Protein backbone atom coordinates (compact mmCIF):
# COMPACT_ATOMS: atom_id res chain seq x y z
CA MET A 1 3.07 9.60 -3.79
CA LYS A 2 -0.56 9.18 -2.76
CA ALA A 3 -1.75 9.46 -6.35
CA ILE A 4 0.96 7.10 -7.58
CA THR A 5 0.05 4.46 -4.98
CA TYR A 6 -3.60 4.76 -5.89
CA ILE A 7 -2.74 4.33 -9.56
CA ALA A 8 -0.66 1.27 -8.76
CA THR A 9 -3.58 -0.27 -6.93
CA ILE A 10 -5.93 0.40 -9.83
CA VAL A 11 -3.50 -1.32 -12.19
CA LEU A 12 -4.05 -4.59 -10.35
CA MET A 13 -7.71 -4.41 -11.34
CA ILE A 14 -6.92 -4.91 -15.01
CA PRO A 15 -9.25 -7.94 -15.38
CA LEU A 16 -12.21 -5.97 -13.94
CA MET A 17 -11.66 -2.28 -14.67
CA VAL A 18 -10.19 -1.81 -18.12
CA PHE A 19 -11.67 1.27 -19.69
CA ALA A 20 -10.08 2.02 -23.01
CA SER A 21 -9.97 5.61 -24.18
CA GLU A 22 -9.91 4.20 -27.69
CA GLU A 23 -10.26 0.74 -29.23
CA PRO A 24 -7.13 -1.38 -28.59
CA LYS A 25 -5.00 -1.78 -31.69
CA GLY A 26 -3.31 -5.10 -32.19
CA ASP A 27 -1.46 -6.09 -29.03
CA THR A 28 -1.99 -2.80 -27.18
CA VAL A 29 -4.17 -2.27 -24.09
CA ILE A 30 -4.80 1.32 -23.03
CA ILE A 31 -6.09 1.99 -19.52
CA GLU A 32 -7.46 5.46 -18.84
CA LEU A 33 -7.11 6.40 -15.16
CA ASN A 34 -8.27 10.00 -15.31
CA GLY A 35 -8.40 12.87 -17.73
CA ASN A 36 -4.61 13.21 -17.97
CA SER A 37 -3.14 9.81 -17.10
CA LYS A 38 -3.02 6.57 -19.06
CA ILE A 39 -1.20 3.28 -18.76
CA VAL A 40 -0.27 1.50 -22.00
CA ILE A 41 0.50 -2.22 -21.97
CA ILE A 42 1.99 -3.81 -25.09
CA THR A 43 2.06 -7.60 -25.15
CA LYS A 44 2.68 -10.33 -27.70
CA ASN A 45 -0.31 -12.41 -26.63
CA LYS A 46 -2.84 -13.01 -23.87
CA ALA A 47 -0.44 -15.26 -21.94
CA ASP A 48 2.06 -12.41 -21.63
CA LEU A 49 -0.70 -10.15 -20.30
CA ALA A 50 -1.61 -12.75 -17.67
CA ALA A 51 2.05 -12.93 -16.61
CA ILE A 52 1.79 -9.34 -15.33
CA GLN A 53 0.10 -10.78 -12.22
CA ASN A 54 3.51 -12.19 -11.20
CA TYR A 55 5.05 -8.72 -10.86
CA ASP A 56 4.81 -6.16 -8.08
CA ILE A 57 3.14 -3.32 -9.95
CA ASN A 58 3.13 -1.17 -6.80
CA GLN A 59 6.92 -1.36 -6.58
CA MET A 60 7.29 -0.53 -10.27
CA ILE A 61 5.21 2.63 -9.91
CA LYS A 62 7.06 3.56 -6.70
CA ASP A 63 10.43 3.26 -8.42
CA LEU A 64 9.17 5.26 -11.37
CA ASN A 65 7.90 7.98 -9.07
CA ASP A 66 11.23 8.15 -7.24
CA GLN A 67 13.03 8.69 -10.54
CA LEU A 68 10.63 11.21 -12.03
CA GLN A 69 12.25 14.57 -12.73
CA ASP A 70 9.53 16.12 -14.87
CA THR A 71 6.05 15.04 -15.95
CA VAL A 72 6.76 12.18 -18.36
CA ALA A 73 8.80 9.02 -17.97
CA TYR A 74 8.97 5.49 -19.28
CA LEU A 75 9.66 2.35 -17.26
CA VAL A 76 10.89 -0.63 -19.29
CA ILE A 77 10.79 -4.06 -17.63
CA ASP A 78 12.82 -6.92 -19.09
CA GLY A 79 11.52 -10.27 -17.78
CA ASP A 80 14.97 -11.89 -17.85
CA GLU A 81 16.97 -9.08 -16.24
CA GLN A 82 15.45 -6.06 -14.51
CA GLY A 83 12.07 -7.74 -14.16
CA LYS A 84 13.39 -10.21 -11.61
CA GLU A 85 13.55 -7.63 -8.87
CA TYR A 86 9.82 -6.98 -9.32
CA GLU A 87 8.72 -10.60 -9.09
CA SER A 88 6.21 -11.03 -6.28
CA LYS A 89 7.63 -12.60 -3.12
CA ARG A 90 5.44 -14.01 -0.36
CA ALA A 91 6.65 -13.94 3.24
CA ILE A 92 5.22 -13.97 6.74
CA THR A 93 7.39 -11.05 7.90
CA ARG A 94 10.05 -9.12 6.05
CA ARG A 95 12.22 -6.14 6.95
CA ASN A 96 14.00 -3.82 4.56
CA ASN A 97 14.97 -0.19 4.19
CA ASP A 98 11.36 0.74 3.47
CA GLY A 99 9.94 -0.67 6.71
CA VAL A 100 8.22 -3.79 8.01
CA SER A 101 5.51 -5.98 6.44
CA ILE A 102 3.58 -8.51 8.54
CA ASP A 103 1.22 -11.16 7.15
CA LEU A 104 -1.36 -12.09 9.81
CA GLY A 105 -3.25 -14.52 7.61
CA GLY A 106 -5.96 -12.64 5.73
CA LEU A 107 -4.63 -9.32 7.02
CA ASP A 108 -1.40 -7.66 5.88
CA VAL A 109 0.00 -4.63 7.70
CA GLU A 110 2.82 -2.61 6.15
CA VAL A 111 4.53 0.12 8.18
CA ASP A 112 7.09 2.71 7.07
CA PRO A 113 8.77 3.93 10.32
CA ASP A 114 10.09 7.12 8.72
CA LYS A 115 6.63 8.24 7.63
CA LEU A 116 4.99 6.95 10.81
CA ASP A 117 6.90 9.46 12.92
CA ASP A 118 4.89 12.27 11.32
CA PHE A 119 1.59 10.40 11.36
CA ASP A 120 -1.39 12.31 12.79
CA GLU A 121 -5.19 12.14 12.82
CA ASP A 122 -5.51 14.15 9.62
CA ASP A 123 -3.53 11.48 7.79
CA TRP A 124 -5.95 8.80 8.95
CA ARG A 125 -9.01 10.90 8.10
CA SER A 126 -7.67 11.30 4.56
CA ARG A 127 -6.98 7.56 4.17
CA ARG A 128 -7.76 5.88 0.87
CA LYS A 129 -9.76 2.67 0.51
CA VAL A 130 -9.58 0.56 -2.64
CA THR A 131 -11.22 -2.84 -3.25
CA TYR A 132 -10.49 -5.31 -6.04
CA ASP A 133 -10.49 -9.04 -6.81
CA VAL A 134 -7.47 -11.30 -6.46
CA LYS A 135 -7.85 -14.26 -8.83
CA ARG A 136 -4.50 -15.96 -8.33
CA VAL A 137 -4.77 -19.34 -6.57
CA ASP A 138 -1.69 -20.56 -4.68
CA ARG A 139 -1.11 -24.25 -4.18
CA THR A 140 -1.03 -23.91 -0.37
CA THR A 141 -1.85 -20.92 1.82
CA HIS A 142 -1.70 -20.57 5.58
CA HIS A 143 -3.82 -18.59 8.03
CA PHE A 144 -4.92 -18.46 11.66
CA ASN A 145 -8.57 -18.51 12.69
CA MET A 146 -10.80 -18.83 15.74
CA ASP A 147 -13.86 -21.03 16.22
CA LEU A 148 -16.52 -19.65 18.55
CA GLY A 149 -19.60 -21.75 19.20
CA LEU A 150 -21.97 -23.46 21.61
CA ASN A 151 -21.54 -26.87 23.24
CA ASN A 152 -24.01 -29.56 24.12
CA TRP A 153 -24.06 -33.32 24.18
CA LEU A 154 -26.40 -36.05 22.99
CA GLU A 155 -27.57 -39.17 24.81
CA ASP A 156 -28.97 -41.84 22.49
CA GLY A 157 -29.57 -39.12 19.89
CA ASP A 158 -31.50 -36.77 22.21
CA PHE A 159 -30.48 -33.84 24.37
CA PRO A 160 -30.43 -34.84 28.07
CA ASP A 161 -32.89 -32.11 29.04
CA VAL A 162 -35.62 -34.16 27.34
CA ASN A 163 -35.43 -36.45 30.39
CA ASN A 164 -34.57 -33.62 32.81
CA ALA A 165 -31.20 -35.24 33.50
CA PRO A 166 -28.95 -33.49 36.07
CA TYR A 167 -26.21 -33.14 33.42
CA SER A 168 -28.47 -31.20 31.04
CA VAL A 169 -26.53 -28.30 29.50
CA LYS A 170 -27.63 -24.68 29.13
CA PRO A 171 -28.23 -24.01 25.41
CA PHE A 172 -26.59 -20.60 25.69
CA GLY A 173 -23.60 -20.09 27.93
CA SER A 174 -21.82 -23.37 27.19
CA TRP A 175 -19.11 -21.92 24.98
CA TYR A 176 -16.69 -23.65 22.66
CA VAL A 177 -13.49 -21.75 21.76
CA ALA A 178 -10.65 -22.91 19.49
CA PHE A 179 -7.55 -21.26 18.03
CA ASN A 180 -6.34 -22.94 14.86
CA SER A 181 -3.36 -22.83 12.51
CA ILE A 182 -4.79 -23.87 9.14
CA ASN A 183 -3.28 -24.69 5.75
CA ARG A 184 -5.43 -24.61 2.63
CA THR A 185 -4.14 -26.73 -0.26
CA TRP A 186 -5.63 -26.55 -3.74
CA VAL A 187 -6.17 -30.07 -5.13
CA GLY A 188 -7.78 -29.12 -8.44
CA GLY A 189 -10.85 -27.33 -9.78
CA PRO A 190 -13.08 -26.30 -6.86
CA LEU A 191 -11.58 -28.93 -4.50
CA PHE A 192 -9.37 -27.75 -1.62
CA LEU A 193 -8.09 -29.48 1.52
CA GLU A 194 -8.07 -27.56 4.79
CA TRP A 195 -5.75 -29.15 7.34
CA GLY A 196 -3.97 -28.02 10.47
CA VAL A 197 -3.73 -28.09 14.23
CA GLY A 198 -5.26 -26.11 17.07
CA VAL A 199 -6.22 -25.94 20.73
CA SER A 200 -9.86 -26.01 21.85
CA TRP A 201 -11.86 -25.68 25.04
CA TYR A 202 -15.18 -27.39 25.77
CA ASN A 203 -17.28 -25.63 28.39
CA TRP A 204 -20.40 -27.51 29.50
CA LYS A 205 -22.46 -25.27 31.77
CA PHE A 206 -25.13 -27.28 33.57
CA GLN A 207 -28.75 -26.23 33.29
CA ASP A 208 -29.39 -26.78 37.01
CA SER A 209 -26.57 -24.98 38.80
CA ASP A 210 -27.44 -26.74 42.06
CA PHE A 211 -25.83 -29.92 40.70
CA ARG A 212 -22.07 -30.25 40.72
CA LEU A 213 -19.92 -32.90 39.05
CA THR A 214 -17.75 -34.97 41.40
CA GLU A 215 -15.51 -37.99 40.91
CA ALA A 216 -16.20 -41.12 42.96
CA ASP A 217 -14.09 -44.30 43.02
CA ASP A 218 -15.22 -45.69 39.67
CA MET A 219 -17.52 -43.09 38.07
CA VAL A 220 -18.58 -39.48 37.99
CA GLU A 221 -21.60 -38.32 39.96
CA PHE A 222 -23.85 -35.26 39.79
CA VAL A 223 -24.56 -34.27 43.37
CA GLU A 224 -27.08 -31.77 44.75
CA ASP A 225 -26.73 -30.28 48.25
CA PRO A 226 -30.07 -28.84 49.50
CA ASN A 227 -28.20 -26.54 51.90
CA ILE A 228 -26.33 -24.78 49.09
CA ASN A 229 -27.71 -22.34 46.52
CA GLY A 230 -25.80 -23.00 43.30
CA ILE A 231 -24.99 -20.04 41.02
CA LYS A 232 -22.83 -21.66 38.32
CA SER A 233 -21.71 -25.22 37.73
CA LYS A 234 -19.67 -26.36 34.73
CA LEU A 235 -17.13 -28.82 33.34
CA THR A 236 -14.25 -27.60 31.12
CA ALA A 237 -11.90 -29.73 29.02
CA SER A 238 -9.10 -28.61 26.70
CA TYR A 239 -7.74 -30.56 23.72
CA LEU A 240 -4.92 -30.43 21.19
CA ASN A 241 -6.51 -31.18 17.80
CA ALA A 242 -5.68 -32.00 14.20
CA GLN A 243 -8.30 -31.59 11.48
CA PHE A 244 -8.64 -32.52 7.80
CA VAL A 245 -11.59 -31.12 5.85
CA PRO A 246 -11.99 -31.44 2.04
CA MET A 247 -13.74 -28.28 0.82
CA PHE A 248 -15.58 -27.45 -2.40
CA ASP A 249 -14.98 -23.76 -3.09
CA PHE A 250 -16.86 -22.69 -6.22
CA SER A 251 -15.05 -19.35 -6.35
CA GLN A 252 -11.90 -21.51 -6.70
CA GLY A 253 -10.00 -19.57 -4.07
CA ARG A 254 -10.62 -16.08 -5.43
CA LYS A 255 -10.53 -13.35 -2.82
CA LYS A 256 -11.55 -9.75 -2.42
CA LEU A 257 -8.73 -7.46 -1.35
CA THR A 258 -9.49 -4.22 0.47
CA SER A 259 -6.52 -1.86 0.81
CA ILE A 260 -6.61 1.03 3.28
CA GLU A 261 -3.70 3.44 3.03
CA ALA A 262 -2.60 6.39 5.16
CA SER A 263 0.78 8.04 5.64
CA GLY A 264 3.25 5.34 6.68
CA ILE A 265 0.60 2.62 7.04
CA ARG A 266 -1.03 0.25 4.57
CA ILE A 267 -3.57 -2.34 5.71
CA LYS A 268 -4.68 -5.03 3.29
CA ARG A 269 -7.52 -7.36 4.23
CA TYR A 270 -8.48 -10.45 2.25
CA SER A 271 -11.97 -11.95 2.27
CA ARG A 272 -13.31 -14.92 0.35
CA ARG A 273 -15.72 -14.97 -2.56
CA GLY A 274 -18.62 -17.30 -3.37
CA ILE A 275 -20.03 -20.33 -1.59
CA ARG A 276 -17.99 -23.19 -0.14
CA PHE A 277 -18.73 -26.28 1.94
CA GLY A 278 -16.99 -29.42 3.15
CA LEU A 279 -17.07 -32.39 5.49
CA GLY A 280 -14.06 -33.99 7.14
CA GLY A 281 -12.70 -35.31 10.39
CA TYR A 282 -10.60 -34.44 13.41
CA VAL A 283 -8.75 -36.09 16.27
CA GLY A 284 -7.83 -34.58 19.63
CA TYR A 285 -5.86 -35.33 22.78
CA ARG A 286 -6.99 -34.03 26.17
CA LEU A 287 -4.63 -31.49 27.73
CA GLY A 288 -6.55 -30.83 30.94
CA SER A 289 -9.95 -30.64 32.59
CA HIS A 290 -11.55 -29.02 35.63
CA THR A 291 -14.88 -28.25 37.24
CA LYS A 292 -16.04 -24.91 38.62
CA PHE A 293 -18.85 -24.56 41.14
CA ILE A 294 -19.95 -21.12 42.35
CA PHE A 295 -22.49 -21.09 45.17
CA LYS A 296 -23.93 -19.28 48.16
CA GLU A 297 -23.86 -20.83 51.60
CA GLY A 298 -25.04 -19.02 54.70
CA GLY A 299 -25.38 -15.77 52.80
CA SER A 300 -21.77 -15.72 51.57
CA ARG A 301 -20.58 -16.39 47.99
CA ASP A 302 -17.90 -19.02 47.46
CA LYS A 303 -16.21 -20.92 44.62
CA ASP A 304 -14.76 -24.43 44.27
CA LYS A 305 -12.48 -25.31 41.37
CA GLU A 306 -11.14 -28.84 41.03
CA HIS A 307 -8.65 -30.18 38.45
CA ASP A 308 -8.91 -33.88 37.63
CA ASN A 309 -9.56 -36.22 34.69
CA PHE A 310 -13.18 -37.01 35.75
CA PHE A 311 -13.00 -40.24 33.71
CA LEU A 312 -12.95 -38.20 30.51
CA GLU A 313 -11.65 -39.98 27.42
CA ASN A 314 -8.13 -38.82 26.63
CA PHE A 315 -8.76 -38.98 22.88
CA ARG A 316 -11.62 -37.49 20.89
CA TYR A 317 -12.41 -37.99 17.22
CA GLY A 318 -15.33 -37.07 15.07
CA LEU A 319 -16.78 -35.28 12.08
CA ARG A 320 -16.50 -31.61 11.19
CA GLY A 321 -18.68 -29.80 8.65
CA GLN A 322 -18.13 -26.30 7.28
CA ILE A 323 -20.16 -24.00 5.06
CA GLY A 324 -19.35 -20.46 4.06
CA TRP A 325 -20.59 -17.61 1.92
CA LYS A 326 -18.23 -14.74 1.12
CA GLY A 327 -16.77 -13.55 4.44
CA VAL A 328 -19.04 -15.67 6.68
CA GLU A 329 -18.30 -19.26 7.69
CA PHE A 330 -20.15 -21.69 9.98
CA PHE A 331 -18.91 -24.98 11.42
CA GLY A 332 -20.31 -27.96 13.28
CA THR A 333 -18.58 -30.87 15.03
CA TYR A 334 -19.77 -34.19 16.43
CA ASP A 335 -17.62 -36.50 18.57
CA LEU A 336 -18.04 -40.10 17.43
CA ASN A 337 -16.64 -41.39 20.70
CA GLU A 338 -18.20 -40.69 24.10
CA VAL A 339 -17.08 -37.92 26.43
CA PHE A 340 -16.67 -40.22 29.46
CA SER A 341 -14.94 -43.59 29.34
CA ALA A 342 -17.29 -46.58 29.12
CA GLY A 343 -18.97 -47.47 32.41
CA ASN A 344 -17.60 -44.45 34.26
CA GLY A 345 -20.26 -41.87 33.37
CA PRO A 346 -23.34 -41.17 31.27
CA GLU A 347 -23.10 -42.16 27.58
CA LEU A 348 -22.76 -38.72 26.01
CA ASN A 349 -21.42 -37.53 22.64
CA ALA A 350 -20.24 -33.91 22.37
CA ILE A 351 -21.77 -31.68 19.72
CA THR A 352 -20.76 -28.11 18.79
CA PHE A 353 -21.81 -25.50 16.25
CA GLY A 354 -20.79 -21.90 15.68
CA MET A 355 -18.85 -19.48 13.49
CA THR A 356 -15.24 -19.28 12.33
CA PHE A 357 -13.48 -15.90 12.37
C-alpha cells in the first residue's frame, strides 16, 4: 500500500513531472514511475486531461490496489457513472469507514484508527515525504491564522519617546496578538479579497516602569511614586475586529503541498507560492481593558491589576497592509482614530507591525 500511495501522489504532479518513456502518440500520455510501472492516460483533448484534477486519484489507486489479485489490472472511470464517486469533495471534517480527516486551514490531518493501533516509532522513521504544486484556484477558501507583532503609538507623527513622555512604549516587549478567521475570495486574475473576523490584544508596556496609568475624574494620568520601585507597567486592551484587504497575488493562488505519510497517518501542509501584497481596512470594538503594575515596596514584590475603560475609544478603525513571499507574510496596522477619547488623554494613534502565521 505504501508504494501505491506514493504512486498516487506522483500522479498529481502530472503538470510538473511527466517523463515519457517514449514519445506520446496522438492522444496518449505515458508516465514512467520506475523501471516496471507506468501510467497511461488516453484523452480526447487537452481539456479532458485538465479535468483529471477534479478526481481523487489517490482513491482510485487505493480501490485498484484493494481489488488487485495478481500483478496487472485496469481501472476504467466513466465520468457520468462510476467517476462520480471519485469527484473531489472539500470538507472541514469528515468521518467514514476509513477514518477521520480534519482540515485545519493550510494543514490537513488524516487518521486511520485501525492502522493507528499498530503505529510505532519505526513507522514514523520510515515516513514518506512528497512535495508538489497545487494549481487549482477555488473561488473562496477559509483558514485560521495568528498575527504576532509589536505595538507602539504615534503622537503628531512621532514616537512619544522623542519628547521623553511618561507614556513612551518599550520598542520590544509591547506585544500585539490576534487570532483570525479569514476567507480568501478570488475576484479575477491576481486579485483576491481577504476578509474575516478575529480577536486581538494590544499590550503597551511603558518604557519607564515607575509610571503607572490611572483614571481620574475626566482624564487618564501617568503617575510616578518616588517611594515605589516599578518593575513592569502596561496597558492592555482587547478588541473584536473585522478586516477587508484586497490582495494582489501574482502566483494566482497556487500552493505547494507537502504530504508526509506514515502508517495510519497522513499530514498534508499547504504553503503559498510567489509574492503578494495588499492594502485594506479594519474596524474593531473594544471588549475589555486593564492595567498591570508590578513593583517593589519596602523590599517586597507586589502587583496591582485594575479593570476599567480608562477613557479608551470603544471603536477602532484604520489601515492594514500585508506583504508576503512564499510561506512568509508580514503585516502592519495603523489606527486612524485616537486610542483615548478626545480631551481625556494624550492624542495617540496605535501602530503595529509583525508577522502572520
